Structures are given as structure tokens and as C-alpha cells.
Amino acid sequence: MTAHAAPGDWLIVQSSRDSHPTRRAAILAVARDGSPPFTVRWLDTGREAIVFPGPDAQVVTAVRQAELDQEQQERVSRVQSEISHRAAPRT
């Protein structure tokens, strides 16, 4: 885990169990030196919390998270395009 963050970064918490999805939270506030605890707003619930991240968490900058989101959207678009292409009636 990256131990330091800044407001605007993202906290990503990976789950080791299939029944629990990865969670993402916007980091709203950090200690003076950027260390935990972090005040976050969970993306899935909208709730704010004070968090001391564990070893299953990582801090991602806002810029990097935007890149990861774009990459994910491009993958989804490619898969959807491939499905549409395969499902199209052949003439």
C-alpha cells in the first residue's frame, strides 16, 4: 500500500473473496504529511468514513485513476463491439 495520499486521490481496496467486490473511495482529507487516517467517501454507498487502510489497499492518484477508468471503458467497448459483430446476421 502507498502510505501517503492527497485529497483527490483514490483509495482502492481489493477483496480476497469473490463474494466481495473491489471498493473505491475518493480521498477527501489526509493527515498533514499525507499519511492515514484518510477521510474518504465510498463510491458504492456515498458514505463518508475515516479509514486506516490495510495491506489490501492502495492509493491511486486522480490522474492514474482516470487513465484506468478510460482503459476499462475501452475494453468494455471492444467486447461490446465484438459481441455485436458476432451477433449480426450474415447475408
PDB file of N, CA and C in Angstrom:
ATOM      1  N   MET A   1       0.828  -1.175   0.000  1.00  0.00           N
ATOM      2  CA  MET A   1       0.000   0.000   0.000  1.00  0.00           C
ATOM      3  C   MET A   1       0.874   1.241   0.000  1.00  0.00           C
ATOM      4  N   THR A   2       0.469   2.236  -0.756  1.00  0.00           N
ATOM      5  CA  THR A   2       1.124   3.529  -0.686  1.00  0.00           C
ATOM      6  C   THR A   2       0.660   4.207   0.583  1.00  0.00           C
ATOM      7  N   ALA A   3       1.575   4.638   1.418  1.00  0.00           N
ATOM      8  CA  ALA A   3       1.226   5.166   2.731  1.00  0.00           C
ATOM      9  C   ALA A   3       0.802   6.625   2.704  1.00  0.00           C
ATOM     10  N   HIS A   4       1.049   7.326   1.614  1.00  0.00           N
ATOM     11  CA  HIS A   4       0.731   8.742   1.560  1.00  0.00           C
ATOM     12  C   HIS A   4      -0.273   9.030   0.450  1.00  0.00           C
ATOM     13  N   ALA A   5      -1.085  10.037   0.697  1.00  0.00           N
ATOM     14  CA  ALA A   5      -2.127  10.410  -0.258  1.00  0.00           C
ATOM     15  C   ALA A   5      -2.351  11.906  -0.181  1.00  0.00           C
ATOM     16  N   ALA A   6      -3.167  12.376  -1.095  1.00  0.00           N
ATOM     17  CA  ALA A   6      -3.584  13.776  -1.105  1.00  0.00           C
ATOM     18  C   ALA A   6      -5.076  13.805  -1.396  1.00  0.00           C
ATOM     19  N   PRO A   7      -5.765  14.828  -0.917  1.00  0.00           N
ATOM     20  CA  PRO A   7      -7.173  14.950  -1.280  1.00  0.00           C
ATOM     21  C   PRO A   7      -7.310  14.930  -2.803  1.00  0.00           C
ATOM     22  N   GLY A   8      -8.286  14.168  -3.278  1.00  0.00           N
ATOM     23  CA  GLY A   8      -8.474  13.994  -4.717  1.00  0.00           C
ATOM     24  C   GLY A   8      -7.959  12.666  -5.216  1.00  0.00           C
ATOM     25  N   ASP A   9      -7.065  12.023  -4.459  1.00  0.00           N
ATOM     26  CA  ASP A   9      -6.614  10.678  -4.810  1.00  0.00           C
ATOM     27  C   ASP A   9      -7.737   9.687  -4.519  1.00  0.00           C
ATOM     28  N   TRP A  10      -7.516   8.453  -4.908  1.00  0.00           N
ATOM     29  CA  TRP A  10      -8.496   7.381  -4.695  1.00  0.00           C
ATOM     30  C   TRP A  10      -7.889   6.285  -3.843  1.00  0.00           C
ATOM     31  N   LEU A  11      -8.694   5.725  -2.965  1.00  0.00           N
ATOM     32  CA  LEU A  11      -8.308   4.562  -2.174  1.00  0.00           C
ATOM     33  C   LEU A  11      -9.004   3.358  -2.794  1.00  0.00           C
ATOM     34  N   ILE A  12      -8.220   2.366  -3.193  1.00  0.00           N
ATOM     35  CA  ILE A  12      -8.746   1.146  -3.803  1.00  0.00           C
ATOM     36  C   ILE A  12      -8.499   0.007  -2.829  1.00  0.00           C
ATOM     37  N   VAL A  13      -9.561  -0.690  -2.450  1.00  0.00           N
ATOM     38  CA  VAL A  13      -9.444  -1.806  -1.511  1.00  0.00           C
ATOM     39  C   VAL A  13      -9.835  -3.083  -2.246  1.00  0.00           C
ATOM     40  N   GLN A  14      -8.852  -3.959  -2.434  1.00  0.00           N
ATOM     41  CA  GLN A  14      -9.060  -5.228  -3.118  1.00  0.00           C
ATOM     42  C   GLN A  14      -9.635  -6.245  -2.147  1.00  0.00           C
ATOM     43  N   SER A  15     -10.549  -7.048  -2.621  1.00  0.00           N
ATOM     44  CA  SER A  15     -11.106  -8.114  -1.795  1.00  0.00           C
ATOM     45  C   SER A  15     -10.442  -9.429  -2.161  1.00  0.00           C
ATOM     46  N   SER A  16     -10.183 -10.244  -1.176  1.00  0.00           N
ATOM     47  CA  SER A  16      -9.609 -11.564  -1.437  1.00  0.00           C
ATOM     48  C   SER A  16     -10.695 -12.613  -1.653  1.00  0.00           C
ATOM     49  N   ARG A  17     -11.958 -12.186  -1.526  1.00  0.00           N
ATOM     50  CA  ARG A  17     -13.070 -13.126  -1.691  1.00  0.00           C
ATOM     51  C   ARG A  17     -13.907 -12.733  -2.900  1.00  0.00           C
ATOM     52  N   ASP A  18     -14.339 -13.733  -3.653  1.00  0.00           N
ATOM     53  CA  ASP A  18     -15.149 -13.476  -4.845  1.00  0.00           C
ATOM     54  C   ASP A  18     -16.470 -12.801  -4.514  1.00  0.00           C
ATOM     55  N   SER A  19     -16.989 -13.046  -3.320  1.00  0.00           N
ATOM     56  CA  SER A  19     -18.297 -12.508  -2.958  1.00  0.00           C
ATOM     57  C   SER A  19     -18.247 -11.029  -2.577  1.00  0.00           C
ATOM     58  N   HIS A  20     -17.043 -10.476  -2.451  1.00  0.00           N
ATOM     59  CA  HIS A  20     -16.893  -9.061  -2.106  1.00  0.00           C
ATOM     60  C   HIS A  20     -16.138  -8.344  -3.220  1.00  0.00           C
ATOM     61  N   PRO A  21     -16.761  -7.376  -3.854  1.00  0.00           N
ATOM     62  CA  PRO A  21     -16.078  -6.668  -4.948  1.00  0.00           C
ATOM     63  C   PRO A  21     -15.016  -5.711  -4.425  1.00  0.00           C
ATOM     64  N   THR A  22     -14.149  -5.306  -5.324  1.00  0.00           N
ATOM     65  CA  THR A  22     -13.192  -4.252  -5.023  1.00  0.00           C
ATOM     66  C   THR A  22     -13.968  -2.975  -4.728  1.00  0.00           C
ATOM     67  N   ARG A  23     -13.519  -2.225  -3.728  1.00  0.00           N
ATOM     68  CA  ARG A  23     -14.190  -0.967  -3.369  1.00  0.00           C
ATOM     69  C   ARG A  23     -13.277   0.204  -3.685  1.00  0.00           C
ATOM     70  N   ARG A  24     -13.916   1.324  -4.024  1.00  0.00           N
ATOM     71  CA  ARG A  24     -13.164   2.539  -4.332  1.00  0.00           C
ATOM     72  C   ARG A  24     -13.747   3.689  -3.527  1.00  0.00           C
ATOM     73  N   ALA A  25     -12.862   4.541  -3.011  1.00  0.00           N
ATOM     74  CA  ALA A  25     -13.301   5.701  -2.239  1.00  0.00           C
ATOM     75  C   ALA A  25     -12.481   6.919  -2.654  1.00  0.00           C
ATOM     76  N   ALA A  26     -13.150   8.052  -2.775  1.00  0.00           N
ATOM     77  CA  ALA A  26     -12.462   9.318  -3.021  1.00  0.00           C
ATOM     78  C   ALA A  26     -11.858   9.781  -1.704  1.00  0.00           C
ATOM     79  N   ILE A  27     -10.597  10.139  -1.739  1.00  0.00           N
ATOM     80  CA  ILE A  27      -9.937  10.634  -0.537  1.00  0.00           C
ATOM     81  C   ILE A  27     -10.240  12.123  -0.412  1.00  0.00           C
ATOM     82  N   LEU A  28     -10.871  12.466   0.699  1.00  0.00           N
ATOM     83  CA  LEU A  28     -11.301  13.842   0.941  1.00  0.00           C
ATOM     84  C   LEU A  28     -10.301  14.614   1.793  1.00  0.00           C
ATOM     85  N   ALA A  29      -9.685  13.945   2.756  1.00  0.00           N
ATOM     86  CA  ALA A  29      -8.748  14.612   3.665  1.00  0.00           C
ATOM     87  C   ALA A  29      -7.733  13.592   4.172  1.00  0.00           C
ATOM     88  N   VAL A  30      -6.550  14.087   4.475  1.00  0.00           N
ATOM     89  CA  VAL A  30      -5.464  13.246   4.982  1.00  0.00           C
ATOM     90  C   VAL A  30      -4.778  13.994   6.130  1.00  0.00           C
ATOM     91  N   ALA A  31      -3.908  13.309   6.851  1.00  0.00           N
ATOM     92  CA  ALA A  31      -3.105  13.982   7.878  1.00  0.00           C
ATOM     93  C   ALA A  31      -2.170  14.983   7.200  1.00  0.00           C
ATOM     94  N   ARG A  32      -1.595  15.840   7.980  1.00  0.00           N
ATOM     95  CA  ARG A  32      -0.742  16.917   7.435  1.00  0.00           C
ATOM     96  C   ARG A  32       0.344  16.401   6.494  1.00  0.00           C
ATOM     97  N   ASP A  33       0.946  15.260   6.823  1.00  0.00           N
ATOM     98  CA  ASP A  33       2.023  14.719   5.990  1.00  0.00           C
ATOM     99  C   ASP A  33       1.520  13.751   4.917  1.00  0.00           C
ATOM    100  N   GLY A  34       0.204  13.664   4.744  1.00  0.00           N
ATOM    101  CA  GLY A  34      -0.361  12.790   3.718  1.00  0.00           C
ATOM    102  C   GLY A  34      -0.576  11.356   4.162  1.00  0.00           C
ATOM    103  N   SER A  35      -0.314  11.084   5.427  1.00  0.00           N
ATOM    104  CA  SER A  35      -0.467   9.721   5.929  1.00  0.00           C
ATOM    105  C   SER A  35      -1.879   9.503   6.480  1.00  0.00           C
ATOM    106  N   PRO A  36      -2.249   8.237   6.723  1.00  0.00           N
ATOM    107  CA  PRO A  36      -3.551   7.939   7.325  1.00  0.00           C
ATOM    108  C   PRO A  36      -3.638   8.496   8.738  1.00  0.00           C
ATOM    109  N   PRO A  37      -4.838   8.652   9.251  1.00  0.00           N
ATOM    110  CA  PRO A  37      -6.095   8.202   8.659  1.00  0.00           C
ATOM    111  C   PRO A  37      -6.538   9.131   7.534  1.00  0.00           C
ATOM    112  N   PHE A  38      -7.319   8.544   6.604  1.00  0.00           N
ATOM    113  CA  PHE A  38      -7.884   9.284   5.494  1.00  0.00           C
ATOM    114  C   PHE A  38      -9.382   9.444   5.734  1.00  0.00           C
ATOM    115  N   THR A  39      -9.905  10.592   5.406  1.00  0.00           N
ATOM    116  CA  THR A  39     -11.356  10.751   5.333  1.00  0.00           C
ATOM    117  C   THR A  39     -11.722  10.480   3.884  1.00  0.00           C
ATOM    118  N   VAL A  40     -12.635   9.531   3.682  1.00  0.00           N
ATOM    119  CA  VAL A  40     -12.990   9.102   2.320  1.00  0.00           C
ATOM    120  C   VAL A  40     -14.501   9.119   2.127  1.00  0.00           C
ATOM    121  N   ARG A  41     -14.912   9.134   0.867  1.00  0.00           N
ATOM    122  CA  ARG A  41     -16.317   8.919   0.506  1.00  0.00           C
ATOM    123  C   ARG A  41     -16.351   7.696  -0.406  1.00  0.00           C
ATOM    124  N   TRP A  42     -17.012   6.630   0.092  1.00  0.00           N
ATOM    125  CA  TRP A  42     -17.100   5.379  -0.659  1.00  0.00           C
ATOM    126  C   TRP A  42     -17.968   5.580  -1.888  1.00  0.00           C
ATOM    127  N   LEU A  43     -17.465   5.148  -3.020  1.00  0.00           N
ATOM    128  CA  LEU A  43     -18.168   5.306  -4.286  1.00  0.00           C
ATOM    129  C   LEU A  43     -19.449   4.483  -4.320  1.00  0.00           C
ATOM    130  N   ASP A  44     -19.432   3.290  -3.724  1.00  0.00           N
ATOM    131  CA  ASP A  44     -20.597   2.402  -3.804  1.00  0.00           C
ATOM    132  C   ASP A  44     -21.740   2.790  -2.875  1.00  0.00           C
ATOM    133  N   THR A  45     -21.464   3.503  -1.802  1.00  0.00           N
ATOM    134  CA  THR A  45     -22.524   3.852  -0.851  1.00  0.00           C
ATOM    135  C   THR A  45     -22.727   5.349  -0.683  1.00  0.00           C
ATOM    136  N   GLY A  46     -21.714   6.141  -1.061  1.00  0.00           N
ATOM    137  CA  GLY A  46     -21.780   7.580  -0.860  1.00  0.00           C
ATOM    138  C   GLY A  46     -21.489   8.007   0.572  1.00  0.00           C
ATOM    139  N   ARG A  47     -21.219   7.055   1.433  1.00  0.00           N
ATOM    140  CA  ARG A  47     -20.961   7.363   2.839  1.00  0.00           C
ATOM    141  C   ARG A  47     -19.528   7.811   3.048  1.00  0.00           C
ATOM    142  N   GLU A  48     -19.364   8.731   3.996  1.00  0.00           N
ATOM    143  CA  GLU A  48     -18.032   9.182   4.379  1.00  0.00           C
ATOM    144  C   GLU A  48     -17.569   8.395   5.596  1.00  0.00           C
ATOM    145  N   ALA A  49     -16.259   8.170   5.658  1.00  0.00           N
ATOM    146  CA  ALA A  49     -15.691   7.408   6.772  1.00  0.00           C
ATOM    147  C   ALA A  49     -14.243   7.825   6.983  1.00  0.00           C
ATOM    148  N   ILE A  50     -13.754   7.556   8.169  1.00  0.00           N
ATOM    149  CA  ILE A  50     -12.339   7.715   8.469  1.00  0.00           C
ATOM    150  C   ILE A  50     -11.721   6.327   8.367  1.00  0.00           C
ATOM    151  N   VAL A  51     -10.649   6.215   7.582  1.00  0.00           N
ATOM    152  CA  VAL A  51     -10.082   4.907   7.253  1.00  0.00           C
ATOM    153  C   VAL A  51      -8.592   4.870   7.553  1.00  0.00           C
ATOM    154  N   PHE A  52      -8.174   3.779   8.176  1.00  0.00           N
ATOM    155  CA  PHE A  52      -6.768   3.422   8.297  1.00  0.00           C
ATOM    156  C   PHE A  52      -6.568   2.253   7.335  1.00  0.00           C
ATOM    157  N   PRO A  53      -6.086   2.482   6.115  1.00  0.00           N
ATOM    158  CA  PRO A  53      -6.011   1.419   5.106  1.00  0.00           C
ATOM    159  C   PRO A  53      -5.129   0.262   5.544  1.00  0.00           C
ATOM    160  N   GLY A  54      -5.553  -0.935   5.182  1.00  0.00           N
ATOM    161  CA  GLY A  54      -4.790  -2.142   5.467  1.00  0.00           C
ATOM    162  C   GLY A  54      -3.926  -2.533   4.292  1.00  0.00           C
ATOM    163  N   PRO A  55      -3.329  -3.717   4.353  1.00  0.00           N
ATOM    164  CA  PRO A  55      -2.422  -4.173   3.299  1.00  0.00           C
ATOM    165  C   PRO A  55      -3.126  -4.490   1.986  1.00  0.00           C
ATOM    166  N   ASP A  56      -4.449  -4.587   2.012  1.00  0.00           N
ATOM    167  CA  ASP A  56      -5.206  -4.870   0.798  1.00  0.00           C
ATOM    168  C   ASP A  56      -5.621  -3.599   0.065  1.00  0.00           C
ATOM    169  N   ALA A  57      -5.107  -2.451   0.504  1.00  0.00           N
ATOM    170  CA  ALA A  57      -5.500  -1.169  -0.072  1.00  0.00           C
ATOM    171  C   ALA A  57      -4.319  -0.500  -0.767  1.00  0.00           C
ATOM    172  N   GLN A  58      -4.649   0.318  -1.747  1.00  0.00           N
ATOM    173  CA  GLN A  58      -3.623   1.119  -2.408  1.00  0.00           C
ATOM    174  C   GLN A  58      -4.191   2.497  -2.710  1.00  0.00           C
ATOM    175  N   VAL A  59      -3.316   3.472  -2.763  1.00  0.00           N
ATOM    176  CA  VAL A  59      -3.693   4.829  -3.128  1.00  0.00           C
ATOM    177  C   VAL A  59      -3.330   5.024  -4.596  1.00  0.00           C
ATOM    178  N   VAL A  60      -4.275   5.580  -5.342  1.00  0.00           N
ATOM    179  CA  VAL A  60      -4.074   5.849  -6.765  1.00  0.00           C
ATOM    180  C   VAL A  60      -4.354   7.330  -6.991  1.00  0.00           C
ATOM    181  N   THR A  61      -3.463   8.004  -7.708  1.00  0.00           N
ATOM    182  CA  THR A  61      -3.697   9.420  -7.986  1.00  0.00           C
ATOM    183  C   THR A  61      -4.932   9.584  -8.862  1.00  0.00           C
ATOM    184  N   ALA A  62      -5.504  10.771  -8.824  1.00  0.00           N
ATOM    185  CA  ALA A  62      -6.686  11.053  -9.641  1.00  0.00           C
ATOM    186  C   ALA A  62      -6.374  10.879 -11.123  1.00  0.00           C
ATOM    187  N   VAL A  63      -5.202  11.304 -11.549  1.00  0.00           N
ATOM    188  CA  VAL A  63      -4.812  11.167 -12.960  1.00  0.00           C
ATOM    189  C   VAL A  63      -4.723   9.699 -13.346  1.00  0.00           C
ATOM    190  N   ARG A  64      -4.069   8.895 -12.514  1.00  0.00           N
ATOM    191  CA  ARG A  64      -3.933   7.460 -12.828  1.00  0.00           C
ATOM    192  C   ARG A  64      -5.289   6.771 -12.811  1.00  0.00           C
ATOM    193  N   GLN A  65      -6.158   7.140 -11.872  1.00  0.00           N
ATOM    194  CA  GLN A  65      -7.480   6.520 -11.826  1.00  0.00           C
ATOM    195  C   GLN A  65      -8.278   6.857 -13.080  1.00  0.00           C
ATOM    196  N   ALA A  66      -8.160   8.084 -13.571  1.00  0.00           N
ATOM    197  CA  ALA A  66      -8.841   8.461 -14.814  1.00  0.00           C
ATOM    198  C   ALA A  66      -8.318   7.623 -15.983  1.00  0.00           C
ATOM    199  N   GLU A  67      -7.008   7.375 -16.012  1.00  0.00           N
ATOM    200  CA  GLU A  67      -6.436   6.521 -17.053  1.00  0.00           C
ATOM    201  C   GLU A  67      -6.972   5.095 -16.956  1.00  0.00           C
ATOM    202  N   LEU A  68      -7.023   4.561 -15.745  1.00  0.00           N
ATOM    203  CA  LEU A  68      -7.543   3.202 -15.540  1.00  0.00           C
ATOM    204  C   LEU A  68      -9.015   3.108 -15.930  1.00  0.00           C
ATOM    205  N   ASP A  69      -9.799   4.125 -15.588  1.00  0.00           N
ATOM    206  CA  ASP A  69     -11.216   4.141 -15.971  1.00  0.00           C
ATOM    207  C   ASP A  69     -11.362   4.165 -17.493  1.00  0.00           C
ATOM    208  N   GLN A  70     -10.531   4.961 -18.170  1.00  0.00           N
ATOM    209  CA  GLN A  70     -10.574   5.041 -19.634  1.00  0.00           C
ATOM    210  C   GLN A  70     -10.204   3.696 -20.253  1.00  0.00           C
ATOM    211  N   GLU A  71      -9.157   3.057 -19.730  1.00  0.00           N
ATOM    212  CA  GLU A  71      -8.752   1.740 -20.232  1.00  0.00           C
ATOM    213  C   GLU A  71      -9.882   0.728 -20.064  1.00  0.00           C
ATOM    214  N   GLN A  72     -10.547   0.757 -18.910  1.00  0.00           N
ATOM    215  CA  GLN A  72     -11.661  -0.160 -18.660  1.00  0.00           C
ATOM    216  C   GLN A  72     -12.797   0.098 -19.637  1.00  0.00           C
ATOM    217  N   GLN A  73     -13.127   1.367 -19.882  1.00  0.00           N
ATOM    218  CA  GLN A  73     -14.197   1.699 -20.815  1.00  0.00           C
ATOM    219  C   GLN A  73     -13.859   1.238 -22.232  1.00  0.00           C
ATOM    220  N   GLU A  74     -12.610   1.378 -22.629  1.00  0.00           N
ATOM    221  CA  GLU A  74     -12.186   0.914 -23.951  1.00  0.00           C
ATOM    222  C   GLU A  74     -12.304  -0.595 -24.070  1.00  0.00           C
ATOM    223  N   ARG A  75     -11.944  -1.328 -22.999  1.00  0.00           N
ATOM    224  CA  ARG A  75     -12.101  -2.792 -23.017  1.00  0.00           C
ATOM    225  C   ARG A  75     -13.564  -3.176 -23.146  1.00  0.00           C
ATOM    226  N   VAL A  76     -14.430  -2.520 -22.398  1.00  0.00           N
ATOM    227  CA  VAL A  76     -15.865  -2.808 -22.456  1.00  0.00           C
ATOM    228  C   VAL A  76     -16.387  -2.527 -23.855  1.00  0.00           C
ATOM    229  N   SER A  77     -15.988  -1.414 -24.449  1.00  0.00           N
ATOM    230  CA  SER A  77     -16.446  -1.061 -25.803  1.00  0.00           C
ATOM    231  C   SER A  77     -15.988  -2.090 -26.823  1.00  0.00           C
ATOM    232  N   ARG A  78     -14.732  -2.556 -26.693  1.00  0.00           N
ATOM    233  CA  ARG A  78     -14.244  -3.578 -27.634  1.00  0.00           C
ATOM    234  C   ARG A  78     -15.047  -4.872 -27.515  1.00  0.00           C
ATOM    235  N   VAL A  79     -15.321  -5.278 -26.290  1.00  0.00           N
ATOM    236  CA  VAL A  79     -16.094  -6.516 -26.085  1.00  0.00           C
ATOM    237  C   VAL A  79     -17.509  -6.350 -26.638  1.00  0.00           C
ATOM    238  N   GLN A  80     -18.138  -5.213 -26.355  1.00  0.00           N
ATOM    239  CA  GLN A  80     -19.485  -4.982 -26.869  1.00  0.00           C
ATOM    240  C   GLN A  80     -19.500  -4.968 -28.389  1.00  0.00           C
ATOM    241  N   SER A  81     -18.490  -4.364 -28.990  1.00  0.00           N
ATOM    242  CA  SER A  81     -18.396  -4.330 -30.446  1.00  0.00           C
ATOM    243  C   SER A  81     -18.235  -5.740 -31.010  1.00  0.00           C
ATOM    244  N   GLU A  82     -17.386  -6.535 -30.374  1.00  0.00           N
ATOM    245  CA  GLU A  82     -17.179  -7.913 -30.828  1.00  0.00           C
ATOM    246  C   GLU A  82     -18.464  -8.728 -30.705  1.00  0.00           C
ATOM    247  N   ILE A  83     -19.185  -8.554 -29.613  1.00  0.00           N
ATOM    248  CA  ILE A  83     -20.449  -9.277 -29.434  1.00  0.00           C
ATOM    249  C   ILE A  83     -21.446  -8.862 -30.515  1.00  0.00           C
ATOM    250  N   SER A  84     -21.544  -7.571 -30.773  1.00  0.00           N
ATOM    251  CA  SER A  84     -22.455  -7.075 -31.801  1.00  0.00           C
ATOM    252  C   SER A  84     -22.073  -7.616 -33.173  1.00  0.00           C
ATOM    253  N   HIS A  85     -20.785  -7.639 -33.448  1.00  0.00           N
ATOM    254  CA  HIS A  85     -20.297  -8.115 -34.735  1.00  0.00           C
ATOM    255  C   HIS A  85     -20.633  -9.605 -34.918  1.00  0.00           C
ATOM    256  N   ARG A  86     -20.434 -10.386 -33.874  1.00  0.00           N
ATOM    257  CA  ARG A  86     -20.717 -11.827 -33.971  1.00  0.00           C
ATOM    258  C   ARG A  86     -22.207 -12.108 -34.032  1.00  0.00           C
ATOM    259  N   ALA A  87     -23.020 -11.247 -33.423  1.00  0.00           N
ATOM    260  CA  ALA A  87     -24.459 -11.465 -33.402  1.00  0.00           C
ATOM    261  C   ALA A  87     -25.154 -10.940 -34.650  1.00  0.00           C
ATOM    262  N   ALA A  88     -24.452 -10.135 -35.434  1.00  0.00           N
ATOM    263  CA  ALA A  88     -25.072  -9.552 -36.634  1.00  0.00           C
ATOM    264  C   ALA A  88     -25.409 -10.657 -37.631  1.00  0.00           C
ATOM    265  N   PRO A  89     -26.585 -10.570 -38.239  1.00  0.00           N
ATOM    266  CA  PRO A  89     -26.964 -11.585 -39.227  1.00  0.00           C
ATOM    267  C   PRO A  89     -26.031 -11.523 -40.438  1.00  0.00           C
ATOM    268  N   ARG A  90     -25.685 -12.678 -40.911  1.00  0.00           N
ATOM    269  CA  ARG A  90     -24.812 -12.756 -42.089  1.00  0.00           C
ATOM    270  C   ARG A  90     -25.666 -12.824 -43.339  1.00  0.00           C
ATOM    271  N   THR A  91     -25.239 -12.079 -44.312  1.00  0.00           N
ATOM    272  CA  THR A  91     -26.006 -12.065 -45.579  1.00  0.00           C
ATOM    273  C   THR A  91     -25.321 -12.801 -46.663  1.00  0.00           C
TER     274      THR A  91
END
